[in-house]
N, C-alpha and C. Protein backbone atom coordinates (compact mmCIF):
# COMPACT_ATOMS: atom_id res chain seq x y z
N MET A 1 0.97 -1.03 0.23
CA MET A 1 -0.08 -0.19 -0.11
C MET A 1 0.92 1.18 -0.07
N GLN A 2 1.68 0.99 1.06
CA GLN A 2 2.77 2.40 0.72
C GLN A 2 3.06 2.14 -0.41
N THR A 3 3.85 1.82 -1.30
CA THR A 3 4.72 1.48 -2.57
C THR A 3 3.60 2.20 -3.52
N LEU A 4 1.95 2.20 -3.54
CA LEU A 4 1.44 2.43 -4.17
C LEU A 4 0.86 4.02 -4.17
N ARG A 5 1.04 4.15 -2.99
CA ARG A 5 0.90 5.60 -2.97
C ARG A 5 2.36 7.22 -3.32
N SER A 6 3.57 5.98 -3.09
CA SER A 6 4.14 6.79 -3.26
C SER A 6 4.43 7.01 -4.98
N LEU A 7 4.42 5.71 -5.70
CA LEU A 7 3.92 5.81 -6.59
C LEU A 7 3.21 6.74 -7.10
N THR A 8 1.64 6.18 -6.98
CA THR A 8 1.32 7.89 -7.44
C THR A 8 1.51 9.05 -7.44
N ALA A 9 2.25 9.68 -5.88
CA ALA A 9 2.86 10.63 -5.45
C ALA A 9 3.93 11.01 -6.38
N ALA A 10 4.64 10.30 -6.91
CA ALA A 10 5.44 10.39 -7.70
C ALA A 10 4.94 10.88 -9.08
N ALA A 11 4.23 9.93 -9.65
CA ALA A 11 2.90 10.53 -10.63
C ALA A 11 2.62 11.67 -10.97
N LEU A 12 2.17 12.39 -9.61
CA LEU A 12 1.23 12.88 -10.15
C LEU A 12 2.39 14.38 -9.65
N PHE A 13 3.81 13.88 -9.09
CA PHE A 13 4.18 15.17 -9.14
C PHE A 13 5.17 15.30 -10.15
N ALA A 14 5.27 14.02 -11.25
CA ALA A 14 6.03 14.41 -12.08
C ALA A 14 5.24 15.14 -13.82
N ALA A 15 3.36 14.90 -13.04
CA ALA A 15 2.94 15.45 -14.20
C ALA A 15 2.32 16.94 -13.57
N THR A 16 2.63 16.99 -12.77
CA THR A 16 2.52 18.57 -12.10
C THR A 16 3.91 19.21 -12.98
N LEU A 17 4.92 18.35 -13.34
CA LEU A 17 6.05 18.97 -12.81
C LEU A 17 6.55 19.60 -15.07
N SER A 18 5.33 18.25 -15.71
CA SER A 18 5.70 18.07 -17.01
C SER A 18 4.67 19.40 -17.76
N ILE A 19 3.20 19.51 -16.79
CA ILE A 19 2.47 20.38 -17.10
C ILE A 19 3.15 22.39 -16.91
N ALA A 20 4.17 22.06 -15.40
CA ALA A 20 4.56 23.57 -15.37
C ALA A 20 5.39 24.24 -16.50
N HIS A 21 5.95 22.56 -16.88
CA HIS A 21 7.18 22.67 -18.00
C HIS A 21 6.04 23.24 -19.12
N ALA A 22 5.41 22.68 -19.31
CA ALA A 22 4.56 23.03 -20.86
C ALA A 22 4.21 24.67 -21.32
N ALA A 23 4.12 25.31 -20.03
CA ALA A 23 2.97 26.00 -19.51
C ALA A 23 3.88 27.68 -19.09
N SER A 24 4.81 27.03 -19.58
CA SER A 24 6.08 28.75 -19.15
C SER A 24 6.07 29.23 -20.27
N PRO A 25 5.79 30.76 -19.58
CA PRO A 25 5.52 31.59 -20.07
C PRO A 25 6.80 32.32 -21.43
N TRP A 26 8.08 31.45 -21.13
CA TRP A 26 9.47 31.97 -21.75
C TRP A 26 9.62 31.24 -22.54
N SER A 27 9.93 32.55 -23.69
CA SER A 27 10.83 31.80 -24.91
C SER A 27 12.19 32.34 -25.44
N VAL A 28 12.86 32.49 -26.47
CA VAL A 28 14.02 32.65 -26.50
C VAL A 28 14.24 32.24 -28.21
N ARG A 29 14.33 33.29 -28.51
CA ARG A 29 14.75 33.29 -30.27
C ARG A 29 15.99 33.50 -30.31
N LEU A 30 16.77 32.86 -31.25
CA LEU A 30 18.26 33.50 -31.81
C LEU A 30 18.28 33.28 -33.43
N ALA A 31 18.47 34.63 -34.09
CA ALA A 31 18.61 34.76 -35.75
C ALA A 31 19.70 35.65 -35.89
N ALA A 32 19.22 35.29 -37.34
CA ALA A 32 20.60 36.07 -38.18
C ALA A 32 19.51 36.88 -38.72
N THR A 33 20.15 38.77 -38.93
CA THR A 33 19.51 39.65 -39.05
C THR A 33 20.46 40.31 -39.78
N TYR A 34 19.82 41.21 -40.63
CA TYR A 34 20.47 41.59 -42.16
C TYR A 34 19.69 42.85 -41.55
N LEU A 35 20.64 43.89 -41.53
CA LEU A 35 20.48 45.38 -40.90
C LEU A 35 20.86 46.10 -42.19
N GLU A 36 19.82 47.25 -42.33
CA GLU A 36 19.89 48.25 -43.73
C GLU A 36 19.25 49.49 -43.22
N THR A 37 20.39 50.36 -43.36
CA THR A 37 19.67 51.66 -42.65
C THR A 37 19.45 52.54 -43.88
N THR A 38 18.38 53.48 -43.30
CA THR A 38 18.15 54.15 -44.82
C THR A 38 18.65 55.52 -44.70
N ASP A 39 19.93 55.42 -44.00
CA ASP A 39 20.89 56.65 -44.88
C ASP A 39 20.38 57.98 -44.99
N GLY A 40 19.45 58.46 -44.46
CA GLY A 40 18.59 59.69 -44.91
C GLY A 40 19.54 60.17 -43.76
N SER A 41 19.43 62.03 -44.50
CA SER A 41 20.22 63.13 -44.00
C SER A 41 19.16 64.29 -44.46
N THR A 42 19.19 64.94 -42.91
CA THR A 42 18.63 66.65 -43.23
C THR A 42 19.38 67.45 -43.96
N ASN A 43 20.45 67.15 -44.28
CA ASN A 43 21.20 68.44 -45.29
C ASN A 43 21.80 67.68 -46.28
N ARG A 44 20.94 67.95 -47.69
CA ARG A 44 20.80 67.59 -48.78
C ARG A 44 22.16 67.60 -49.12
N ALA A 45 23.55 68.27 -48.60
CA ALA A 45 24.79 68.71 -49.39
C ALA A 45 25.25 67.89 -49.06
N LEU A 46 25.00 66.69 -47.82
CA LEU A 46 25.81 66.35 -47.12
C LEU A 46 25.44 64.52 -47.38
N ASP A 47 25.31 63.60 -48.14
CA ASP A 47 25.60 61.95 -48.33
C ASP A 47 26.11 61.41 -47.36
N ILE A 48 25.40 61.01 -46.38
CA ILE A 48 25.95 60.24 -45.55
C ILE A 48 25.33 58.86 -45.75
N VAL A 49 26.63 57.42 -45.40
CA VAL A 49 26.13 56.14 -46.26
C VAL A 49 26.77 55.42 -45.00
N ILE A 50 25.34 54.48 -44.27
CA ILE A 50 25.90 53.65 -43.22
C ILE A 50 26.07 52.19 -44.13
N GLU A 51 27.05 51.71 -43.41
CA GLU A 51 27.49 50.16 -43.88
C GLU A 51 25.94 49.19 -43.42
N ASP A 52 25.25 48.26 -44.09
CA ASP A 52 24.88 47.79 -44.17
C ASP A 52 25.23 45.74 -43.31
N LYS A 53 24.83 45.70 -42.78
CA LYS A 53 25.34 43.90 -42.63
C LYS A 53 24.50 43.10 -41.44
N PHE A 54 24.96 42.17 -41.71
CA PHE A 54 24.59 41.16 -40.94
C PHE A 54 24.49 41.43 -39.82
N ILE A 55 24.24 40.95 -38.33
CA ILE A 55 24.15 40.96 -36.85
C ILE A 55 23.60 39.58 -36.49
N PRO A 56 23.94 39.06 -35.59
CA PRO A 56 23.84 38.07 -34.40
C PRO A 56 22.69 38.85 -33.53
N GLU A 57 21.43 38.32 -33.70
CA GLU A 57 20.20 38.90 -32.58
C GLU A 57 19.91 37.68 -31.55
N LEU A 58 19.50 37.84 -30.24
CA LEU A 58 18.82 37.53 -29.23
C LEU A 58 17.55 37.87 -28.85
N ASP A 59 16.65 37.19 -28.97
CA ASP A 59 15.21 37.87 -28.06
C ASP A 59 14.65 36.77 -27.44
N ILE A 60 14.36 37.66 -26.40
CA ILE A 60 14.11 36.80 -25.32
C ILE A 60 12.34 37.51 -24.99
N THR A 61 11.15 36.79 -24.99
CA THR A 61 9.81 36.67 -24.89
C THR A 61 9.27 36.02 -23.67
N TYR A 62 8.41 36.87 -23.21
CA TYR A 62 7.92 36.73 -21.89
C TYR A 62 5.82 37.22 -22.44
N ALA A 63 5.40 35.95 -22.78
CA ALA A 63 4.20 35.55 -22.76
C ALA A 63 2.96 35.72 -21.45
N PHE A 64 2.11 37.10 -21.72
CA PHE A 64 1.46 37.00 -20.36
C PHE A 64 0.21 36.45 -20.37
N ASN A 65 -0.12 36.11 -21.87
CA ASN A 65 -1.34 34.85 -21.90
C ASN A 65 -0.96 34.98 -23.43
N GLU A 66 -2.21 34.01 -24.24
CA GLU A 66 -1.94 33.50 -25.38
C GLU A 66 -1.87 34.49 -26.34
N HIS A 67 -1.99 35.37 -26.24
CA HIS A 67 -1.98 36.27 -27.32
C HIS A 67 -1.02 38.08 -27.15
N TRP A 68 -0.93 38.11 -26.02
CA TRP A 68 0.12 39.54 -25.30
C TRP A 68 1.46 38.75 -24.79
N SER A 69 2.28 39.49 -25.33
CA SER A 69 3.80 38.84 -24.64
C SER A 69 4.71 40.65 -24.96
N ALA A 70 5.59 40.46 -24.10
CA ALA A 70 6.65 41.10 -23.96
C ALA A 70 8.03 40.82 -24.82
N GLU A 71 8.88 41.24 -25.32
CA GLU A 71 9.79 40.59 -25.68
C GLU A 71 11.18 41.86 -26.39
N LEU A 72 12.21 41.53 -25.38
CA LEU A 72 13.19 41.97 -25.07
C LEU A 72 14.45 41.47 -26.84
N VAL A 73 14.68 42.43 -27.45
CA VAL A 73 15.35 41.92 -29.05
C VAL A 73 17.08 42.66 -28.28
N LEU A 74 18.31 41.49 -28.40
CA LEU A 74 19.83 42.21 -28.27
C LEU A 74 20.50 41.38 -28.92
N THR A 75 21.67 42.60 -28.83
CA THR A 75 22.57 42.13 -29.89
C THR A 75 23.92 42.33 -29.68
N VAL A 76 25.07 41.71 -30.03
CA VAL A 76 26.55 42.39 -29.66
C VAL A 76 26.51 43.57 -30.14
N PRO A 77 27.30 44.58 -29.41
CA PRO A 77 27.81 45.84 -29.95
C PRO A 77 28.83 45.85 -31.34
N GLN A 78 27.72 46.40 -32.31
CA GLN A 78 27.64 46.98 -33.75
C GLN A 78 29.12 47.75 -34.45
N LYS A 79 29.78 47.67 -35.32
CA LYS A 79 31.05 48.38 -35.70
C LYS A 79 29.97 48.49 -37.12
N HIS A 80 30.27 49.83 -37.47
CA HIS A 80 29.58 50.03 -39.06
C HIS A 80 31.21 51.69 -39.81
N THR A 81 30.36 51.24 -40.50
CA THR A 81 31.03 51.91 -41.47
C THR A 81 30.96 53.67 -42.02
N VAL A 82 31.57 54.34 -41.96
CA VAL A 82 30.54 56.03 -42.62
C VAL A 82 30.75 56.34 -43.69
N LYS A 83 30.11 56.43 -44.70
CA LYS A 83 30.77 57.54 -46.01
C LYS A 83 30.15 58.60 -46.38
N ALA A 84 30.59 59.83 -46.66
CA ALA A 84 30.30 61.29 -47.13
C ALA A 84 30.30 61.37 -48.29
N ASN A 85 29.24 61.61 -49.08
CA ASN A 85 29.50 62.41 -50.11
C ASN A 85 30.63 61.13 -51.21
N GLY A 86 30.40 59.70 -51.28
CA GLY A 86 31.33 58.78 -50.85
C GLY A 86 32.79 58.58 -50.62
N PHE A 87 33.36 59.64 -49.75
CA PHE A 87 34.49 58.88 -49.06
C PHE A 87 34.55 58.52 -47.65
N ASP A 88 35.13 57.83 -47.20
CA ASP A 88 35.58 56.99 -46.08
C ASP A 88 35.69 57.79 -45.28
N VAL A 89 35.03 58.05 -44.61
CA VAL A 89 35.50 59.15 -43.22
C VAL A 89 35.34 58.33 -41.87
N GLY A 90 35.30 57.00 -41.76
CA GLY A 90 35.30 56.54 -40.42
C GLY A 90 34.59 55.20 -40.15
N ASP A 91 34.52 54.85 -38.24
CA ASP A 91 33.61 54.24 -38.19
C ASP A 91 33.02 54.75 -36.97
N PHE A 92 32.27 53.82 -36.27
CA PHE A 92 31.24 53.69 -34.79
C PHE A 92 30.86 52.63 -34.60
N LYS A 93 30.27 52.87 -33.72
CA LYS A 93 30.22 51.43 -32.58
C LYS A 93 28.51 52.09 -31.72
N HIS A 94 27.89 50.63 -31.78
CA HIS A 94 26.60 51.07 -31.45
C HIS A 94 25.60 49.53 -30.51
N LEU A 95 25.09 50.16 -29.98
CA LEU A 95 24.30 48.58 -29.25
C LEU A 95 22.94 48.85 -29.11
N PRO A 96 21.75 48.66 -29.79
CA PRO A 96 20.12 49.23 -29.91
C PRO A 96 19.92 47.98 -29.12
N PRO A 97 19.60 47.67 -28.06
CA PRO A 97 18.41 46.83 -27.09
C PRO A 97 17.41 47.58 -27.95
N THR A 98 15.91 46.63 -27.98
CA THR A 98 14.49 47.02 -28.11
C THR A 98 13.79 46.59 -27.54
N LEU A 99 12.50 47.05 -27.60
CA LEU A 99 11.69 46.48 -25.89
C LEU A 99 10.44 46.81 -26.94
N LEU A 100 9.46 45.29 -26.84
CA LEU A 100 8.85 45.27 -27.75
C LEU A 100 7.40 45.06 -27.06
N LEU A 101 6.08 45.21 -27.38
CA LEU A 101 5.32 44.60 -26.82
C LEU A 101 4.20 43.93 -27.94
N LYS A 102 4.15 42.74 -27.96
CA LYS A 102 3.57 42.01 -29.31
C LYS A 102 2.34 41.13 -28.86
N TYR A 103 1.26 41.65 -30.16
CA TYR A 103 0.05 40.91 -29.94
C TYR A 103 0.22 39.61 -31.42
N THR A 104 0.10 38.17 -30.85
CA THR A 104 0.30 37.40 -31.15
C THR A 104 -1.15 36.51 -31.59
N PHE A 105 -1.60 36.36 -32.86
CA PHE A 105 -2.82 36.13 -33.72
C PHE A 105 -2.96 34.35 -33.00
N SER A 106 -4.36 33.90 -33.67
CA SER A 106 -4.41 32.85 -33.36
C SER A 106 -3.79 32.52 -34.47
N PRO A 107 -2.94 30.53 -34.43
CA PRO A 107 -2.23 29.85 -34.86
C PRO A 107 -3.62 29.44 -36.30
N ILE A 108 -2.95 29.71 -37.64
CA ILE A 108 -3.04 28.91 -38.75
C ILE A 108 -2.52 27.63 -39.35
N GLY A 109 -3.08 26.54 -38.55
CA GLY A 109 -1.94 25.54 -39.44
C GLY A 109 -1.04 25.86 -38.32
N GLY A 110 -0.12 25.24 -38.86
CA GLY A 110 1.88 25.35 -38.01
C GLY A 110 1.88 27.16 -37.74
N PHE A 111 1.02 28.06 -38.72
CA PHE A 111 1.52 29.03 -38.77
C PHE A 111 1.47 30.25 -37.55
N THR A 112 1.75 31.10 -36.78
CA THR A 112 1.16 31.64 -35.56
C THR A 112 1.77 33.25 -35.93
N PRO A 113 1.10 34.03 -37.18
CA PRO A 113 1.37 35.49 -37.33
C PRO A 113 1.51 36.73 -35.73
N TYR A 114 2.34 37.51 -36.06
CA TYR A 114 1.78 38.47 -34.65
C TYR A 114 2.83 39.96 -35.33
N VAL A 115 2.12 40.79 -34.26
CA VAL A 115 2.97 41.91 -34.49
C VAL A 115 2.90 42.26 -33.61
N GLY A 116 3.98 43.87 -33.43
CA GLY A 116 4.51 44.41 -32.51
C GLY A 116 4.93 45.62 -32.02
N ALA A 117 5.13 46.63 -31.19
CA ALA A 117 5.75 47.68 -31.21
C ALA A 117 6.31 48.32 -30.39
N GLY A 118 7.23 49.00 -29.80
CA GLY A 118 7.77 49.29 -28.28
C GLY A 118 8.89 50.03 -29.02
N VAL A 119 10.07 50.80 -28.21
CA VAL A 119 10.64 51.26 -28.12
C VAL A 119 12.78 51.54 -28.49
N ASN A 120 13.17 51.66 -29.01
CA ASN A 120 14.72 51.07 -29.11
C ASN A 120 15.38 51.96 -28.81
N PHE A 121 15.97 51.83 -28.10
CA PHE A 121 17.23 52.74 -27.42
C PHE A 121 18.40 52.28 -27.55
N THR A 122 19.37 52.71 -28.40
CA THR A 122 20.39 52.81 -29.02
C THR A 122 22.04 53.66 -28.27
N LEU A 123 22.86 53.23 -28.01
CA LEU A 123 23.96 53.91 -27.62
C LEU A 123 24.83 53.82 -28.67
N ILE A 124 25.37 55.11 -28.59
CA ILE A 124 26.37 55.56 -29.98
C ILE A 124 27.85 55.69 -29.27
N PHE A 125 28.91 55.02 -29.39
CA PHE A 125 29.91 55.30 -28.88
C PHE A 125 31.37 54.52 -29.85
N ASP A 126 32.61 55.16 -29.26
CA ASP A 126 33.87 55.05 -29.93
C ASP A 126 33.76 55.23 -31.56
N GLU A 127 32.98 56.67 -31.72
CA GLU A 127 33.31 57.21 -32.88
C GLU A 127 34.69 57.42 -32.85
N ASP A 128 35.00 57.47 -34.31
CA ASP A 128 36.38 57.84 -35.07
C ASP A 128 35.90 58.19 -36.80
N LEU A 129 35.59 59.47 -36.70
CA LEU A 129 35.00 59.95 -37.59
C LEU A 129 35.93 60.92 -37.95
N GLY A 130 36.75 61.21 -37.86
CA GLY A 130 37.98 62.60 -38.60
C GLY A 130 37.63 63.94 -37.68
N GLY A 131 37.17 63.53 -36.39
CA GLY A 131 36.99 64.62 -35.42
C GLY A 131 35.16 65.15 -35.37
N ALA A 132 34.48 64.03 -36.24
CA ALA A 132 32.62 64.41 -36.32
C ALA A 132 32.19 63.74 -35.29
N LYS A 133 31.83 63.85 -34.36
CA LYS A 133 31.12 63.63 -33.36
C LYS A 133 29.32 63.12 -33.26
N LEU A 134 29.04 62.55 -32.64
CA LEU A 134 27.42 61.35 -32.85
C LEU A 134 26.97 61.93 -31.02
N ASP A 135 25.88 61.66 -31.35
CA ASP A 135 25.09 61.74 -30.26
C ASP A 135 25.56 60.41 -29.45
N ASN A 136 25.17 60.60 -28.37
CA ASN A 136 25.55 59.46 -27.55
C ASN A 136 24.61 57.95 -26.79
N TYR A 137 23.25 58.88 -27.67
CA TYR A 137 22.50 57.71 -27.74
C TYR A 137 21.05 58.40 -28.76
N SER A 138 20.16 57.30 -28.79
CA SER A 138 18.95 57.59 -29.59
C SER A 138 17.78 56.83 -29.18
N VAL A 139 16.40 57.75 -29.12
CA VAL A 139 15.09 56.80 -28.75
C VAL A 139 14.47 57.11 -29.58
N GLY A 140 13.97 55.80 -29.55
CA GLY A 140 12.49 56.09 -30.90
C GLY A 140 11.78 55.03 -30.42
N PRO A 141 10.49 55.23 -31.64
CA PRO A 141 10.01 54.08 -31.77
C PRO A 141 10.24 53.15 -32.74
N ALA A 142 9.60 51.77 -32.44
CA ALA A 142 9.88 50.45 -33.31
C ALA A 142 8.76 49.65 -33.51
N ALA A 143 8.73 49.18 -34.70
CA ALA A 143 7.86 48.10 -35.01
C ALA A 143 7.99 46.85 -35.75
N GLN A 144 7.47 45.70 -35.80
CA GLN A 144 7.43 44.46 -36.10
C GLN A 144 5.96 43.67 -36.50
N VAL A 145 6.67 43.08 -37.94
CA VAL A 145 5.55 42.31 -37.94
C VAL A 145 6.40 40.53 -38.69
N GLY A 146 5.72 39.33 -37.94
CA GLY A 146 6.47 38.28 -38.18
C GLY A 146 5.71 37.04 -37.89
N PHE A 147 6.02 35.67 -38.02
CA PHE A 147 5.13 34.65 -37.43
C PHE A 147 6.36 33.74 -37.49
N ASP A 148 5.95 32.93 -36.09
CA ASP A 148 6.41 31.56 -35.95
C ASP A 148 6.04 30.31 -36.52
N TYR A 149 6.08 29.39 -37.12
CA TYR A 149 6.25 28.21 -37.76
C TYR A 149 6.47 26.97 -37.30
N ARG A 150 5.93 26.33 -36.17
CA ARG A 150 6.01 25.02 -35.06
C ARG A 150 6.28 24.43 -35.68
N LEU A 151 7.96 23.61 -35.09
CA LEU A 151 8.22 22.43 -35.61
C LEU A 151 8.00 21.46 -35.11
N ASN A 152 7.70 21.20 -33.58
CA ASN A 152 6.94 20.57 -32.25
C ASN A 152 6.67 21.34 -31.57
N ASP A 153 6.85 20.86 -30.01
CA ASP A 153 6.13 21.39 -28.64
C ASP A 153 6.90 22.38 -28.22
N ARG A 154 8.36 21.97 -28.59
CA ARG A 154 9.40 23.22 -28.17
C ARG A 154 9.74 23.98 -29.18
N TRP A 155 9.98 23.57 -30.47
CA TRP A 155 10.95 24.60 -31.88
C TRP A 155 9.81 25.26 -32.43
N ALA A 156 10.27 26.34 -33.16
CA ALA A 156 9.49 26.92 -34.45
C ALA A 156 10.78 27.65 -34.99
N LEU A 157 10.51 27.88 -35.91
CA LEU A 157 10.78 28.33 -37.06
C LEU A 157 10.34 29.87 -37.20
N ASN A 158 11.32 30.54 -37.34
CA ASN A 158 10.60 32.36 -36.82
C ASN A 158 11.29 33.35 -38.25
N ALA A 159 10.53 33.92 -38.62
CA ALA A 159 10.78 34.83 -39.05
C ALA A 159 10.32 36.25 -38.96
N ASP A 160 11.08 37.76 -39.00
CA ASP A 160 9.79 38.52 -38.60
C ASP A 160 10.27 40.12 -39.49
N VAL A 161 10.68 41.25 -39.47
CA VAL A 161 10.60 42.05 -40.09
C VAL A 161 10.41 43.45 -38.99
N LYS A 162 11.43 44.14 -38.86
CA LYS A 162 11.22 45.18 -37.82
C LYS A 162 12.01 46.32 -38.72
N ARG A 163 11.29 47.64 -37.53
CA ARG A 163 11.81 48.83 -38.09
C ARG A 163 11.66 49.81 -37.03
N ALA A 164 13.18 50.38 -37.11
CA ALA A 164 13.68 51.51 -35.81
C ALA A 164 13.99 52.40 -35.91
N MET A 165 13.63 53.84 -35.55
CA MET A 165 14.23 55.19 -35.66
C MET A 165 15.17 55.54 -34.86
N LEU A 166 15.76 55.23 -35.58
CA LEU A 166 17.53 55.68 -34.70
C LEU A 166 18.42 57.39 -35.61
N ARG A 167 18.28 57.79 -34.98
CA ARG A 167 18.31 59.43 -35.42
C ARG A 167 19.68 59.83 -34.25
N THR A 168 20.81 60.48 -34.83
CA THR A 168 21.34 61.40 -34.56
C THR A 168 22.37 62.46 -34.97
N ASP A 169 22.64 63.36 -34.36
CA ASP A 169 23.22 64.94 -34.31
C ASP A 169 24.78 64.47 -35.15
N VAL A 170 24.77 65.57 -36.00
CA VAL A 170 26.15 64.83 -36.65
C VAL A 170 27.40 66.18 -36.47
N ARG A 171 27.82 66.38 -35.79
CA ARG A 171 28.80 67.79 -35.02
C ARG A 171 29.73 67.76 -35.54
N PHE A 172 30.63 68.97 -35.95
CA PHE A 172 32.24 69.12 -36.06
C PHE A 172 32.38 70.35 -35.67
N GLY A 173 33.57 70.38 -34.57
CA GLY A 173 33.88 71.81 -33.80
C GLY A 173 32.59 72.40 -33.68
N GLY A 174 31.91 71.86 -32.85
CA GLY A 174 30.54 72.06 -32.13
C GLY A 174 29.38 72.43 -33.00
N VAL A 175 29.15 72.80 -34.36
CA VAL A 175 28.86 72.83 -35.20
C VAL A 175 27.36 71.97 -35.69
N LYS A 176 26.84 71.96 -35.47
CA LYS A 176 25.71 70.57 -36.55
C LYS A 176 25.76 70.63 -37.77
N LEU A 177 25.82 69.75 -38.32
CA LEU A 177 26.32 68.96 -40.19
C LEU A 177 25.35 68.90 -40.67
N THR A 178 24.32 68.35 -39.42
CA THR A 178 23.27 67.39 -40.25
C THR A 178 22.42 66.35 -39.11
N GLU A 179 21.40 66.23 -39.28
CA GLU A 179 20.61 64.78 -38.33
C GLU A 179 20.88 63.63 -39.10
N ALA A 180 21.44 62.76 -38.41
CA ALA A 180 21.55 61.33 -39.88
C ALA A 180 20.69 60.18 -39.44
N ARG A 181 19.47 60.17 -40.25
CA ARG A 181 18.16 59.45 -39.87
C ARG A 181 18.74 58.12 -40.21
N LEU A 182 18.80 57.24 -39.58
CA LEU A 182 19.35 56.01 -40.07
C LEU A 182 18.50 54.95 -40.30
N ASP A 183 17.94 55.06 -38.87
CA ASP A 183 16.03 54.23 -39.17
C ASP A 183 16.20 53.20 -40.26
N PRO A 184 17.14 52.00 -39.29
CA PRO A 184 17.04 50.87 -40.46
C PRO A 184 15.90 49.68 -39.96
N TRP A 185 15.75 48.80 -41.35
CA TRP A 185 15.27 47.83 -40.89
C TRP A 185 16.06 46.62 -40.66
N LEU A 186 15.43 45.74 -40.35
CA LEU A 186 15.44 44.65 -39.75
C LEU A 186 15.06 43.23 -40.56
N TYR A 187 15.74 42.45 -41.45
CA TYR A 187 15.30 41.30 -41.94
C TYR A 187 15.71 39.69 -40.74
N SER A 188 14.84 39.24 -40.44
CA SER A 188 15.70 38.31 -39.54
C SER A 188 14.85 36.85 -39.74
N LEU A 189 15.83 35.52 -39.51
CA LEU A 189 14.95 34.84 -39.77
C LEU A 189 16.16 33.53 -38.16
N GLY A 190 15.32 33.00 -37.77
CA GLY A 190 15.86 32.18 -36.74
C GLY A 190 14.95 31.09 -36.38
N LEU A 191 15.59 30.45 -35.31
CA LEU A 191 15.33 29.27 -34.26
C LEU A 191 14.38 30.11 -32.88
N ARG A 192 12.87 30.04 -32.59
CA ARG A 192 12.49 29.93 -31.59
C ARG A 192 12.38 28.76 -30.86
N TYR A 193 13.25 28.29 -29.29
CA TYR A 193 12.50 27.27 -28.12
C TYR A 193 12.03 27.74 -27.11
N HIS A 194 10.64 27.26 -27.31
CA HIS A 194 9.47 27.78 -25.56
C HIS A 194 9.85 26.58 -24.75
N PHE A 195 10.42 27.30 -23.39
CA PHE A 195 10.34 26.84 -22.34
C PHE A 195 9.10 25.87 -22.04
């Protein structure tokens, strides 16, 4: 009898752990992202072009319920080369974490589409631009649209597109030359793991 009770308790404990594990609100995504800047400028005489490049991306998502979640978009510091009027002028580094509130639609077969909106906070540092200086940071809105395609209970293939407002004044000798409007598009393909 004692053995039966022990086995029953163990089975219930295992089932509880299994349910709790399956119902975890956390997921992470690792993706390859192509960052493409729009290279806008308020000074028409100064054509600024920022290097486009592939970057790694890590997203951490917490689901409040089946439709609403918060997603923190992270990467490592990125170095970009800069051209002005066709000439190389140097480079700078930036770190652009983004926080998004996502709405996930009901699944359509294996596809689960979503949209999101939030804020991008970009740190700008280590400028080597021949004496030109940039702002230390940029804050602006961000948006996304994408989908998960379920591979099994834990894994999903993911693709999304994000747009962020990233702008910085460009100064030389204390004089503002222009406002660089980089406003990047980010095209991502990756895998999501649900805990």
